[in-house]
PDB file of all heavy atoms in Angstrom:
ATOM      1  N   LEU A   1     130.209  25.099  75.715  1.00  0.00           N
ATOM      2  CA  LEU A   1     129.378  25.039  74.437  1.00  0.00           C
ATOM      3  C   LEU A   1     128.869  23.602  74.373  1.00  0.00           C
ATOM      4  O   LEU A   1     127.686  23.401  73.906  1.00  0.00           O
ATOM      5  CB  LEU A   1     130.241  25.423  73.243  1.00  0.00           C
ATOM      6  CG  LEU A   1     130.405  26.921  73.095  1.00  0.00           C
ATOM      7  CD1 LEU A   1     131.260  27.192  71.853  1.00  0.00           C
ATOM      8  CD2 LEU A   1     129.080  27.683  73.012  1.00  0.00           C
ATOM      9  N   ILE A   2     129.657  22.621  74.668  1.00  0.00           N
ATOM     10  CA  ILE A   2     129.194  21.214  74.615  1.00  0.00           C
ATOM     11  C   ILE A   2     127.972  21.028  75.507  1.00  0.00           C
ATOM     12  O   ILE A   2     126.965  20.414  75.116  1.00  0.00           O
ATOM     13  CB  ILE A   2     130.319  20.228  74.939  1.00  0.00           C
ATOM     14  CG1 ILE A   2     131.335  20.253  73.859  1.00  0.00           C
ATOM     15  CG2 ILE A   2     129.761  18.762  75.074  1.00  0.00           C
ATOM     16  CD1 ILE A   2     132.716  19.571  74.199  1.00  0.00           C
ATOM     17  N   GLY A   3     128.059  21.560  76.698  1.00  0.00           N
ATOM     18  CA  GLY A   3     126.926  21.476  77.615  1.00  0.00           C
ATOM     19  C   GLY A   3     125.721  22.317  77.139  1.00  0.00           C
ATOM     20  O   GLY A   3     124.557  21.864  77.204  1.00  0.00           O
ATOM     21  N   TRP A   4     126.009  23.518  76.549  1.00  0.00           N
ATOM     22  CA  TRP A   4     124.890  24.347  76.040  1.00  0.00           C
ATOM     23  C   TRP A   4     124.208  23.649  74.884  1.00  0.00           C
ATOM     24  O   TRP A   4     122.959  23.733  74.752  1.00  0.00           O
ATOM     25  CB  TRP A   4     125.509  25.649  75.672  1.00  0.00           C
ATOM     26  CG  TRP A   4     124.566  26.661  74.972  1.00  0.00           C
ATOM     27  CD1 TRP A   4     124.746  27.174  73.769  1.00  0.00           C
ATOM     28  CD2 TRP A   4     123.333  27.188  75.452  1.00  0.00           C
ATOM     29  NE1 TRP A   4     123.726  28.037  73.443  1.00  0.00           N
ATOM     30  CE2 TRP A   4     122.862  28.043  74.455  1.00  0.00           C
ATOM     31  CE3 TRP A   4     122.680  27.006  76.570  1.00  0.00           C
ATOM     32  CZ2 TRP A   4     121.653  28.753  74.585  1.00  0.00           C
ATOM     33  CZ3 TRP A   4     121.464  27.668  76.766  1.00  0.00           C
ATOM     34  CH2 TRP A   4     120.978  28.565  75.752  1.00  0.00           C
ATOM     35  N   LEU A   5     124.918  23.011  74.075  1.00  0.00           N
ATOM     36  CA  LEU A   5     124.295  22.310  72.841  1.00  0.00           C
ATOM     37  C   LEU A   5     123.395  21.182  73.299  1.00  0.00           C
ATOM     38  O   LEU A   5     122.415  20.876  72.553  1.00  0.00           O
ATOM     39  CB  LEU A   5     125.416  21.863  71.908  1.00  0.00           C
ATOM     40  CG  LEU A   5     126.082  22.989  71.121  1.00  0.00           C
ATOM     41  CD1 LEU A   5     127.349  22.460  70.461  1.00  0.00           C
ATOM     42  CD2 LEU A   5     125.121  23.476  70.031  1.00  0.00           C
ATOM     43  N   ARG A   6     123.693  20.548  74.402  1.00  0.00           N
ATOM     44  CA  ARG A   6     122.789  19.454  74.858  1.00  0.00           C
ATOM     45  C   ARG A   6     121.431  20.023  75.267  1.00  0.00           C
ATOM     46  O   ARG A   6     120.457  19.286  75.271  1.00  0.00           O
ATOM     47  CB  ARG A   6     123.423  18.708  76.069  1.00  0.00           C
ATOM     48  CG  ARG A   6     124.699  18.039  75.663  1.00  0.00           C
ATOM     49  CD  ARG A   6     125.122  17.023  76.800  1.00  0.00           C
ATOM     50  NE  ARG A   6     126.418  16.413  76.559  1.00  0.00           N
ATOM     51  CZ  ARG A   6     127.603  16.751  77.193  1.00  0.00           C
ATOM     52  NH1 ARG A   6     127.510  17.701  78.200  1.00  0.00           N
ATOM     53  NH2 ARG A   6     128.637  16.139  76.911  1.00  0.00           N
ATOM     54  N   ARG A   7     121.384  21.242  75.743  1.00  0.00           N
ATOM     55  CA  ARG A   7     120.112  21.820  76.153  1.00  0.00           C
ATOM     56  C   ARG A   7     119.718  23.058  75.344  1.00  0.00           C
ATOM     57  O   ARG A   7     118.990  23.962  75.803  1.00  0.00           O
ATOM     58  CB  ARG A   7     120.195  22.256  77.647  1.00  0.00           C
ATOM     59  CG  ARG A   7     121.294  23.190  77.981  1.00  0.00           C
ATOM     60  CD  ARG A   7     121.273  23.457  79.534  1.00  0.00           C
ATOM     61  NE  ARG A   7     122.186  24.565  79.837  1.00  0.00           N
ATOM     62  CZ  ARG A   7     123.503  24.498  79.944  1.00  0.00           C
ATOM     63  NH1 ARG A   7     124.071  23.365  79.721  1.00  0.00           N
ATOM     64  NH2 ARG A   7     124.166  25.623  80.218  1.00  0.00           N
ATOM     65  N   TYR A   8     120.205  23.112  74.093  1.00  0.00           N
ATOM     66  CA  TYR A   8     119.903  24.238  73.273  1.00  0.00           C
ATOM     67  C   TYR A   8     118.398  24.422  73.035  1.00  0.00           C
ATOM     68  O   TYR A   8     117.685  23.528  72.668  1.00  0.00           O
ATOM     69  CB  TYR A   8     120.608  24.007  71.854  1.00  0.00           C
ATOM     70  CG  TYR A   8     120.732  25.317  71.016  1.00  0.00           C
ATOM     71  CD1 TYR A   8     121.757  26.222  71.318  1.00  0.00           C
ATOM     72  CD2 TYR A   8     119.884  25.571  69.988  1.00  0.00           C
ATOM     73  CE1 TYR A   8     121.860  27.382  70.581  1.00  0.00           C
ATOM     74  CE2 TYR A   8     120.001  26.695  69.252  1.00  0.00           C
ATOM     75  CZ  TYR A   8     121.031  27.676  69.486  1.00  0.00           C
ATOM     76  OH  TYR A   8     121.194  28.779  68.772  1.00  0.00           O
ATOM     77  N   PRO A   9     117.926  25.624  73.292  1.00  0.00           N
ATOM     78  CA  PRO A   9     116.446  25.874  73.249  1.00  0.00           C
ATOM     79  C   PRO A   9     115.843  25.501  71.864  1.00  0.00           C
ATOM     80  O   PRO A   9     116.443  25.805  70.829  1.00  0.00           O
ATOM     81  CB  PRO A   9     116.270  27.325  73.572  1.00  0.00           C
ATOM     82  CG  PRO A   9     117.567  27.664  74.336  1.00  0.00           C
ATOM     83  CD  PRO A   9     118.622  26.880  73.747  1.00  0.00           C
ATOM     84  N   GLU A  10     114.679  24.911  71.905  1.00  0.00           N
ATOM     85  CA  GLU A  10     114.031  24.407  70.692  1.00  0.00           C
ATOM     86  C   GLU A  10     113.795  25.470  69.639  1.00  0.00           C
ATOM     87  O   GLU A  10     113.988  25.257  68.450  1.00  0.00           O
ATOM     88  CB  GLU A  10     112.711  23.747  71.078  1.00  0.00           C
ATOM     89  CG  GLU A  10     112.025  23.131  69.828  1.00  0.00           C
ATOM     90  CD  GLU A  10     110.738  22.365  70.289  1.00  0.00           C
ATOM     91  OE1 GLU A  10     110.552  22.209  71.459  1.00  0.00           O
ATOM     92  OE2 GLU A  10     110.077  21.962  69.330  1.00  0.00           O
ATOM     93  N   HIS A  11     113.480  26.687  70.148  1.00  0.00           N
ATOM     94  CA  HIS A  11     113.145  27.716  69.139  1.00  0.00           C
ATOM     95  C   HIS A  11     114.273  28.789  69.060  1.00  0.00           C
ATOM     96  O   HIS A  11     114.067  29.904  68.546  1.00  0.00           O
ATOM     97  CB  HIS A  11     111.900  28.394  69.505  1.00  0.00           C
ATOM     98  CG  HIS A  11     110.690  27.507  69.487  1.00  0.00           C
ATOM     99  ND1 HIS A  11     110.249  26.917  68.391  1.00  0.00           N
ATOM    100  CD2 HIS A  11     109.908  27.010  70.499  1.00  0.00           C
ATOM    101  CE1 HIS A  11     109.172  26.097  68.578  1.00  0.00           C
ATOM    102  NE2 HIS A  11     108.986  26.163  69.944  1.00  0.00           N
ATOM    103  N   ALA A  12     115.444  28.443  69.482  1.00  0.00           N
ATOM    104  CA  ALA A  12     116.566  29.395  69.385  1.00  0.00           C
ATOM    105  C   ALA A  12     117.118  29.405  67.941  1.00  0.00           C
ATOM    106  O   ALA A  12     116.892  28.447  67.173  1.00  0.00           O
ATOM    107  CB  ALA A  12     117.737  29.019  70.329  1.00  0.00           C
ATOM    108  N   PRO A  13     117.844  30.355  67.533  1.00  0.00           N
ATOM    109  CA  PRO A  13     118.304  30.497  66.127  1.00  0.00           C
ATOM    110  C   PRO A  13     119.179  29.317  65.634  1.00  0.00           C
ATOM    111  O   PRO A  13     119.913  28.783  66.437  1.00  0.00           O
ATOM    112  CB  PRO A  13     118.958  31.872  66.072  1.00  0.00           C
ATOM    113  CG  PRO A  13     118.423  32.603  67.211  1.00  0.00           C
ATOM    114  CD  PRO A  13     118.184  31.595  68.227  1.00  0.00           C
ATOM    115  N   TYR A  14     119.167  29.112  64.342  1.00  0.00           N
ATOM    116  CA  TYR A  14     120.130  28.117  63.741  1.00  0.00           C
ATOM    117  C   TYR A  14     121.176  28.742  62.901  1.00  0.00           C
ATOM    118  O   TYR A  14     122.062  28.134  62.399  1.00  0.00           O
ATOM    119  CB  TYR A  14     119.348  27.099  62.901  1.00  0.00           C
ATOM    120  CG  TYR A  14     118.856  27.687  61.556  1.00  0.00           C
ATOM    121  CD1 TYR A  14     119.733  27.712  60.437  1.00  0.00           C
ATOM    122  CD2 TYR A  14     117.588  28.309  61.405  1.00  0.00           C
ATOM    123  CE1 TYR A  14     119.276  28.266  59.262  1.00  0.00           C
ATOM    124  CE2 TYR A  14     117.227  28.905  60.258  1.00  0.00           C
ATOM    125  CZ  TYR A  14     118.005  28.815  59.097  1.00  0.00           C
ATOM    126  OH  TYR A  14     117.641  29.405  57.961  1.00  0.00           O
ATOM    127  N   ASP A  15     121.106  30.119  62.766  1.00  0.00           N
ATOM    128  CA  ASP A  15     121.856  30.769  61.685  1.00  0.00           C
ATOM    129  C   ASP A  15     123.331  31.005  62.137  1.00  0.00           C
ATOM    130  O   ASP A  15     123.769  30.642  63.186  1.00  0.00           O
ATOM    131  CB  ASP A  15     121.209  32.133  61.390  1.00  0.00           C
ATOM    132  CG  ASP A  15     121.264  33.095  62.583  1.00  0.00           C
ATOM    133  OD1 ASP A  15     121.348  32.698  63.729  1.00  0.00           O
ATOM    134  OD2 ASP A  15     121.214  34.376  62.320  1.00  0.00           O
ATOM    135  N   LEU A  16     124.050  31.628  61.236  1.00  0.00           N
ATOM    136  CA  LEU A  16     125.510  31.998  61.441  1.00  0.00           C
ATOM    137  C   LEU A  16     125.711  33.065  62.396  1.00  0.00           C
ATOM    138  O   LEU A  16     126.539  32.974  63.298  1.00  0.00           O
ATOM    139  CB  LEU A  16     126.137  32.252  60.043  1.00  0.00           C
ATOM    140  CG  LEU A  16     127.558  32.837  60.073  1.00  0.00           C
ATOM    141  CD1 LEU A  16     128.524  31.875  60.758  1.00  0.00           C
ATOM    142  CD2 LEU A  16     128.025  33.112  58.625  1.00  0.00           C
ATOM    143  N   ILE A  17     124.965  34.130  62.289  1.00  0.00           N
ATOM    144  CA  ILE A  17     125.210  35.330  63.058  1.00  0.00           C
ATOM    145  C   ILE A  17     124.915  35.068  64.536  1.00  0.00           C
ATOM    146  O   ILE A  17     125.731  35.357  65.445  1.00  0.00           O
ATOM    147  CB  ILE A  17     124.349  36.577  62.579  1.00  0.00           C
ATOM    148  CG1 ILE A  17     124.786  36.940  61.140  1.00  0.00           C
ATOM    149  CG2 ILE A  17     124.512  37.701  63.571  1.00  0.00           C
ATOM    150  CD1 ILE A  17     126.062  37.655  61.064  1.00  0.00           C
ATOM    151  N   ASN A  18     123.763  34.479  64.837  1.00  0.00           N
ATOM    152  CA  ASN A  18     123.256  34.374  66.219  1.00  0.00           C
ATOM    153  C   ASN A  18     123.112  32.934  66.714  1.00  0.00           C
ATOM    154  O   ASN A  18     122.938  32.798  67.944  1.00  0.00           O
ATOM    155  CB  ASN A  18     121.893  35.072  66.327  1.00  0.00           C
ATOM    156  CG  ASN A  18     122.019  36.548  66.093  1.00  0.00           C
ATOM    157  OD1 ASN A  18     122.817  37.241  66.701  1.00  0.00           O
ATOM    158  ND2 ASN A  18     121.120  37.074  65.289  1.00  0.00           N
ATOM    159  N   GLY A  19     123.179  31.979  65.858  1.00  0.00           N
ATOM    160  CA  GLY A  19     122.729  30.648  66.248  1.00  0.00           C
ATOM    161  C   GLY A  19     123.709  29.478  66.071  1.00  0.00           C
ATOM    162  O   GLY A  19     124.970  29.645  66.173  1.00  0.00           O
ATOM    163  N   LEU A  20     123.132  28.320  65.855  1.00  0.00           N
ATOM    164  CA  LEU A  20     123.888  27.070  65.775  1.00  0.00           C
ATOM    165  C   LEU A  20     125.042  27.070  64.759  1.00  0.00           C
ATOM    166  O   LEU A  20     126.160  26.581  65.115  1.00  0.00           O
ATOM    167  CB  LEU A  20     122.968  25.926  65.450  1.00  0.00           C
ATOM    168  CG  LEU A  20     121.983  25.454  66.551  1.00  0.00           C
ATOM    169  CD1 LEU A  20     120.888  24.602  65.962  1.00  0.00           C
ATOM    170  CD2 LEU A  20     122.747  24.756  67.630  1.00  0.00           C
ATOM    171  N   THR A  21     124.805  27.590  63.600  1.00  0.00           N
ATOM    172  CA  THR A  21     125.856  27.573  62.522  1.00  0.00           C
ATOM    173  C   THR A  21     127.054  28.397  63.056  1.00  0.00           C
ATOM    174  O   THR A  21     128.206  28.060  62.770  1.00  0.00           O
ATOM    175  CB  THR A  21     125.305  28.106  61.254  1.00  0.00           C
ATOM    176  OG1 THR A  21     124.148  27.444  60.919  1.00  0.00           O
ATOM    177  CG2 THR A  21     126.312  28.031  60.127  1.00  0.00           C
ATOM    178  N   GLY A  22     126.813  29.481  63.740  1.00  0.00           N
ATOM    179  CA  GLY A  22     127.914  30.339  64.275  1.00  0.00           C
ATOM    180  C   GLY A  22     128.737  29.415  65.282  1.00  0.00           C
ATOM    181  O   GLY A  22     130.009  29.527  65.300  1.00  0.00           O
ATOM    182  N   LEU A  23     128.098  28.679  66.164  1.00  0.00           N
ATOM    183  CA  LEU A  23     128.801  27.793  67.048  1.00  0.00           C
ATOM    184  C   LEU A  23     129.634  26.782  66.289  1.00  0.00           C
ATOM    185  O   LEU A  23     130.674  26.406  66.749  1.00  0.00           O
ATOM    186  CB  LEU A  23     127.792  27.131  68.017  1.00  0.00           C
ATOM    187  CG  LEU A  23     126.895  28.028  68.857  1.00  0.00           C
ATOM    188  CD1 LEU A  23     126.078  27.225  69.798  1.00  0.00           C
ATOM    189  CD2 LEU A  23     127.757  29.071  69.631  1.00  0.00           C
ATOM    190  N   GLY A  24     129.058  26.318  65.177  1.00  0.00           N
ATOM    191  CA  GLY A  24     129.847  25.417  64.314  1.00  0.00           C
ATOM    192  C   GLY A  24     131.093  26.036  63.738  1.00  0.00           C
ATOM    193  O   GLY A  24     132.149  25.380  63.651  1.00  0.00           O
ATOM    194  N   VAL A  25     131.063  27.300  63.424  1.00  0.00           N
ATOM    195  CA  VAL A  25     132.199  28.001  62.912  1.00  0.00           C
ATOM    196  C   VAL A  25     133.331  28.081  63.946  1.00  0.00           C
ATOM    197  O   VAL A  25     134.444  27.838  63.747  1.00  0.00           O
ATOM    198  CB  VAL A  25     131.846  29.409  62.443  1.00  0.00           C
ATOM    199  CG1 VAL A  25     133.079  30.262  62.172  1.00  0.00           C
ATOM    200  CG2 VAL A  25     131.020  29.357  61.121  1.00  0.00           C
ATOM    201  N   TYR A  26     132.915  28.358  65.215  1.00  0.00           N
ATOM    202  CA  TYR A  26     133.816  28.320  66.307  1.00  0.00           C
ATOM    203  C   TYR A  26     134.487  26.946  66.460  1.00  0.00           C
ATOM    204  O   TYR A  26     135.722  26.829  66.554  1.00  0.00           O
ATOM    205  CB  TYR A  26     133.214  28.716  67.657  1.00  0.00           C
ATOM    206  CG  TYR A  26     134.027  28.349  68.766  1.00  0.00           C
ATOM    207  CD1 TYR A  26     135.070  29.187  69.192  1.00  0.00           C
ATOM    208  CD2 TYR A  26     133.787  27.182  69.518  1.00  0.00           C
ATOM    209  CE1 TYR A  26     135.892  28.752  70.276  1.00  0.00           C
ATOM    210  CE2 TYR A  26     134.581  26.856  70.621  1.00  0.00           C
ATOM    211  CZ  TYR A  26     135.643  27.574  70.993  1.00  0.00           C
ATOM    212  OH  TYR A  26     136.475  27.240  72.062  1.00  0.00           O
TER     213      TYR A  26
END
């Protein structure tokens, strides 16, 4: 996930269910 976050696609979701916020919950 650390590697994935460095190259996270610009238009990928930010939300809890599918996106960045969900990665933050993990």
